[in-house]
Amino acid sequence: MFTIGPNEILMILIIVFLLFGASKLPELARSLGKSMGEFKKAQREAELELIEFERKIREGKYTSKEREKLERLAKDLGIKTEGKSDEELLEEIRKMIPREKSEP
C-alpha cells in the first residue's frame, strides 16, 4: 500500500497543532496513549483466552459453556460461526488477532 514517511508525519503534526492548539496537545497525547494501552490490554486478554480455549480442547475439558464463549469471541471479531468446528473457529480467531512482535 503506502508508507508514512517523516514528511507526512511532520505535516500531520502541524495540522494537529493548528487544529487543537498548544494547550490541548498534552491532553490529546495523554488520551491517545491511554487508548493505545487499552487496545493492547484487550489484545493480550483475547490472546490469553484463546490459549485457554486451546488448552481445554487438548485436555478434553471443553464444555458447551466454553463453546458459547468461543462463538461470542468469534462474533465480536466479525467471524461467522455457523457450521464451523471449534478448531476452525480457533484458527480464524488466531488469524484475526495480531500477535505482538517480541523484542530481540
C-alpha atoms as a PDB file:
ATOM      1  CA  MET A   1       0.000   0.000   0.000  1.00  0.00           C
ATOM      2  CA  PHE A   2       1.653   3.195   1.116  1.00  0.00           C
ATOM      3  CA  THR A   3       4.061   4.122   3.857  1.00  0.00           C
ATOM      4  CA  ILE A   4       4.099   7.192   6.027  1.00  0.00           C
ATOM      5  CA  GLY A   5       7.458   8.894   5.889  1.00  0.00           C
ATOM      6  CA  PRO A   6       8.924  11.696   8.012  1.00  0.00           C
ATOM      7  CA  ASN A   7       7.475  14.420   5.780  1.00  0.00           C
ATOM      8  CA  GLU A   8       3.953  13.044   6.113  1.00  0.00           C
ATOM      9  CA  ILE A   9       4.281  12.721   9.889  1.00  0.00           C
ATOM     10  CA  LEU A  10       5.518  16.307  10.100  1.00  0.00           C
ATOM     11  CA  MET A  11       2.525  17.544   8.062  1.00  0.00           C
ATOM     12  CA  ILE A  12       0.110  15.608  10.283  1.00  0.00           C
ATOM     13  CA  LEU A  13       1.693  17.084  13.426  1.00  0.00           C
ATOM     14  CA  ILE A  14       1.457  20.617  12.012  1.00  0.00           C
ATOM     15  CA  ILE A  15      -2.216  20.128  11.137  1.00  0.00           C
ATOM     16  CA  VAL A  16      -2.940  18.710  14.605  1.00  0.00           C
ATOM     17  CA  PHE A  17      -1.120  21.658  16.191  1.00  0.00           C
ATOM     18  CA  LEU A  18      -3.164  24.129  14.139  1.00  0.00           C
ATOM     19  CA  LEU A  19      -6.458  22.371  14.871  1.00  0.00           C
ATOM     20  CA  PHE A  20      -6.060  21.842  18.597  1.00  0.00           C
ATOM     21  CA  GLY A  21      -3.534  24.431  19.709  1.00  0.00           C
ATOM     22  CA  ALA A  22      -0.602  24.049  22.051  1.00  0.00           C
ATOM     23  CA  SER A  23      -2.708  23.884  25.222  1.00  0.00           C
ATOM     24  CA  LYS A  24      -4.694  20.827  24.072  1.00  0.00           C
ATOM     25  CA  LEU A  25      -1.779  18.776  22.694  1.00  0.00           C
ATOM     26  CA  PRO A  26      -0.685  17.229  26.038  1.00  0.00           C
ATOM     27  CA  GLU A  27      -4.270  16.239  26.799  1.00  0.00           C
ATOM     28  CA  LEU A  28      -4.672  14.792  23.304  1.00  0.00           C
ATOM     29  CA  ALA A  29      -1.416  12.820  23.595  1.00  0.00           C
ATOM     30  CA  ARG A  30      -2.419  11.521  27.030  1.00  0.00           C
ATOM     31  CA  SER A  31      -5.787  10.264  25.792  1.00  0.00           C
ATOM     32  CA  LEU A  32      -4.141   8.694  22.733  1.00  0.00           C
ATOM     33  CA  GLY A  33      -1.662   6.894  24.989  1.00  0.00           C
ATOM     34  CA  LYS A  34      -4.445   5.610  27.228  1.00  0.00           C
ATOM     35  CA  SER A  35      -6.367   4.375  24.194  1.00  0.00           C
ATOM     36  CA  MET A  36      -3.338   2.504  22.869  1.00  0.00           C
ATOM     37  CA  GLY A  37      -2.771   0.958  26.299  1.00  0.00           C
ATOM     38  CA  GLU A  38      -6.372  -0.224  26.499  1.00  0.00           C
ATOM     39  CA  PHE A  39      -6.148  -1.670  22.989  1.00  0.00           C
ATOM     40  CA  LYS A  40      -3.002  -3.643  23.845  1.00  0.00           C
ATOM     41  CA  LYS A  41      -4.563  -4.837  27.094  1.00  0.00           C
ATOM     42  CA  ALA A  42      -7.657  -6.110  25.243  1.00  0.00           C
ATOM     43  CA  GLN A  43      -5.426  -7.777  22.656  1.00  0.00           C
ATOM     44  CA  ARG A  44      -3.449  -9.596  25.355  1.00  0.00           C
ATOM     45  CA  GLU A  45      -6.659 -10.707  27.094  1.00  0.00           C
ATOM     46  CA  ALA A  46      -8.027 -12.096  23.825  1.00  0.00           C
ATOM     47  CA  GLU A  47      -4.780 -13.980  23.196  1.00  0.00           C
ATOM     48  CA  LEU A  48      -4.846 -15.470  26.708  1.00  0.00           C
ATOM     49  CA  GLU A  49      -8.473 -16.505  26.312  1.00  0.00           C
ATOM     50  CA  LEU A  50      -7.652 -18.167  23.006  1.00  0.00           C
ATOM     51  CA  ILE A  51      -4.756 -20.070  24.593  1.00  0.00           C
ATOM     52  CA  GLU A  52      -7.076 -21.199  27.398  1.00  0.00           C
ATOM     53  CA  PHE A  53      -9.631 -22.497  24.858  1.00  0.00           C
ATOM     54  CA  GLU A  54      -6.914 -24.446  23.055  1.00  0.00           C
ATOM     55  CA  ARG A  55      -5.689 -25.961  26.334  1.00  0.00           C
ATOM     56  CA  LYS A  56      -9.186 -27.075  27.329  1.00  0.00           C
ATOM     57  CA  ILE A  57      -9.790 -28.676  23.940  1.00  0.00           C
ATOM     58  CA  ARG A  58      -6.495 -30.610  24.149  1.00  0.00           C
ATOM     59  CA  GLU A  59      -7.283 -31.805  27.699  1.00  0.00           C
ATOM     60  CA  GLY A  60     -10.858 -32.772  26.818  1.00  0.00           C
ATOM     61  CA  LYS A  61     -12.354 -30.387  29.403  1.00  0.00           C
ATOM     62  CA  TYR A  62     -14.277 -28.425  26.811  1.00  0.00           C
ATOM     63  CA  THR A  63     -17.968 -27.788  27.602  1.00  0.00           C
ATOM     64  CA  SER A  64     -20.896 -26.139  25.850  1.00  0.00           C
ATOM     65  CA  LYS A  65     -20.295 -23.053  28.011  1.00  0.00           C
ATOM     66  CA  GLU A  66     -16.809 -22.712  26.512  1.00  0.00           C
ATOM     67  CA  ARG A  67     -18.328 -23.151  23.022  1.00  0.00           C
ATOM     68  CA  GLU A  68     -20.640 -20.189  23.761  1.00  0.00           C
ATOM     69  CA  LYS A  69     -17.640 -18.086  24.835  1.00  0.00           C
ATOM     70  CA  LEU A  70     -15.761 -19.116  21.704  1.00  0.00           C
ATOM     71  CA  GLU A  71     -18.711 -18.188  19.497  1.00  0.00           C
ATOM     72  CA  ARG A  72     -19.117 -14.836  21.283  1.00  0.00           C
ATOM     73  CA  LEU A  73     -15.431 -14.049  20.788  1.00  0.00           C
ATOM     74  CA  ALA A  74     -15.664 -15.004  17.109  1.00  0.00           C
ATOM     75  CA  LYS A  75     -18.777 -12.870  16.596  1.00  0.00           C
ATOM     76  CA  ASP A  76     -17.081  -9.907  18.294  1.00  0.00           C
ATOM     77  CA  LEU A  77     -14.312 -10.237  15.728  1.00  0.00           C
ATOM     78  CA  GLY A  78     -16.820 -10.422  12.863  1.00  0.00           C
ATOM     79  CA  ILE A  79     -16.407 -14.146  12.157  1.00  0.00           C
ATOM     80  CA  LYS A  80     -19.422 -16.219  11.096  1.00  0.00           C
ATOM     81  CA  THR A  81     -19.751 -19.211  13.430  1.00  0.00           C
ATOM     82  CA  GLU A  82     -22.454 -21.278  11.747  1.00  0.00           C
ATOM     83  CA  GLY A  83     -21.358 -24.702  10.568  1.00  0.00           C
ATOM     84  CA  LYS A  84     -17.786 -24.366  11.821  1.00  0.00           C
ATOM     85  CA  SER A  85     -15.979 -26.689  14.179  1.00  0.00           C
ATOM     86  CA  ASP A  86     -14.166 -25.482  17.271  1.00  0.00           C
ATOM     87  CA  GLU A  87     -10.802 -25.896  15.567  1.00  0.00           C
ATOM     88  CA  GLU A  88     -11.938 -23.876  12.547  1.00  0.00           C
ATOM     89  CA  LEU A  89     -13.175 -21.074  14.793  1.00  0.00           C
ATOM     90  CA  LEU A  90      -9.938 -21.094  16.777  1.00  0.00           C
ATOM     91  CA  GLU A  91      -7.903 -20.893  13.568  1.00  0.00           C
ATOM     92  CA  GLU A  92      -9.938 -17.948  12.249  1.00  0.00           C
ATOM     93  CA  ILE A  93      -9.750 -16.141  15.608  1.00  0.00           C
ATOM     94  CA  ARG A  94      -5.990 -16.716  15.671  1.00  0.00           C
ATOM     95  CA  LYS A  95      -5.710 -15.087  12.230  1.00  0.00           C
ATOM     96  CA  MET A  96      -7.794 -12.065  13.310  1.00  0.00           C
ATOM     97  CA  ILE A  97      -5.795 -11.317  16.466  1.00  0.00           C
ATOM     98  CA  PRO A  98      -2.445  -9.752  15.541  1.00  0.00           C
ATOM     99  CA  ARG A  99       0.440 -11.103  17.557  1.00  0.00           C
ATOM    100  CA  GLU A 100       2.807  -8.662  19.238  1.00  0.00           C
ATOM    101  CA  LYS A 101       6.347  -8.873  17.955  1.00  0.00           C
ATOM    102  CA  SER A 102       8.749  -9.950  20.656  1.00  0.00           C
ATOM    103  CA  GLU A 103      11.717  -7.757  21.393  1.00  0.00           C
ATOM    104  CA  PRO A 104      15.101  -9.234  20.323  1.00  0.00           C
END
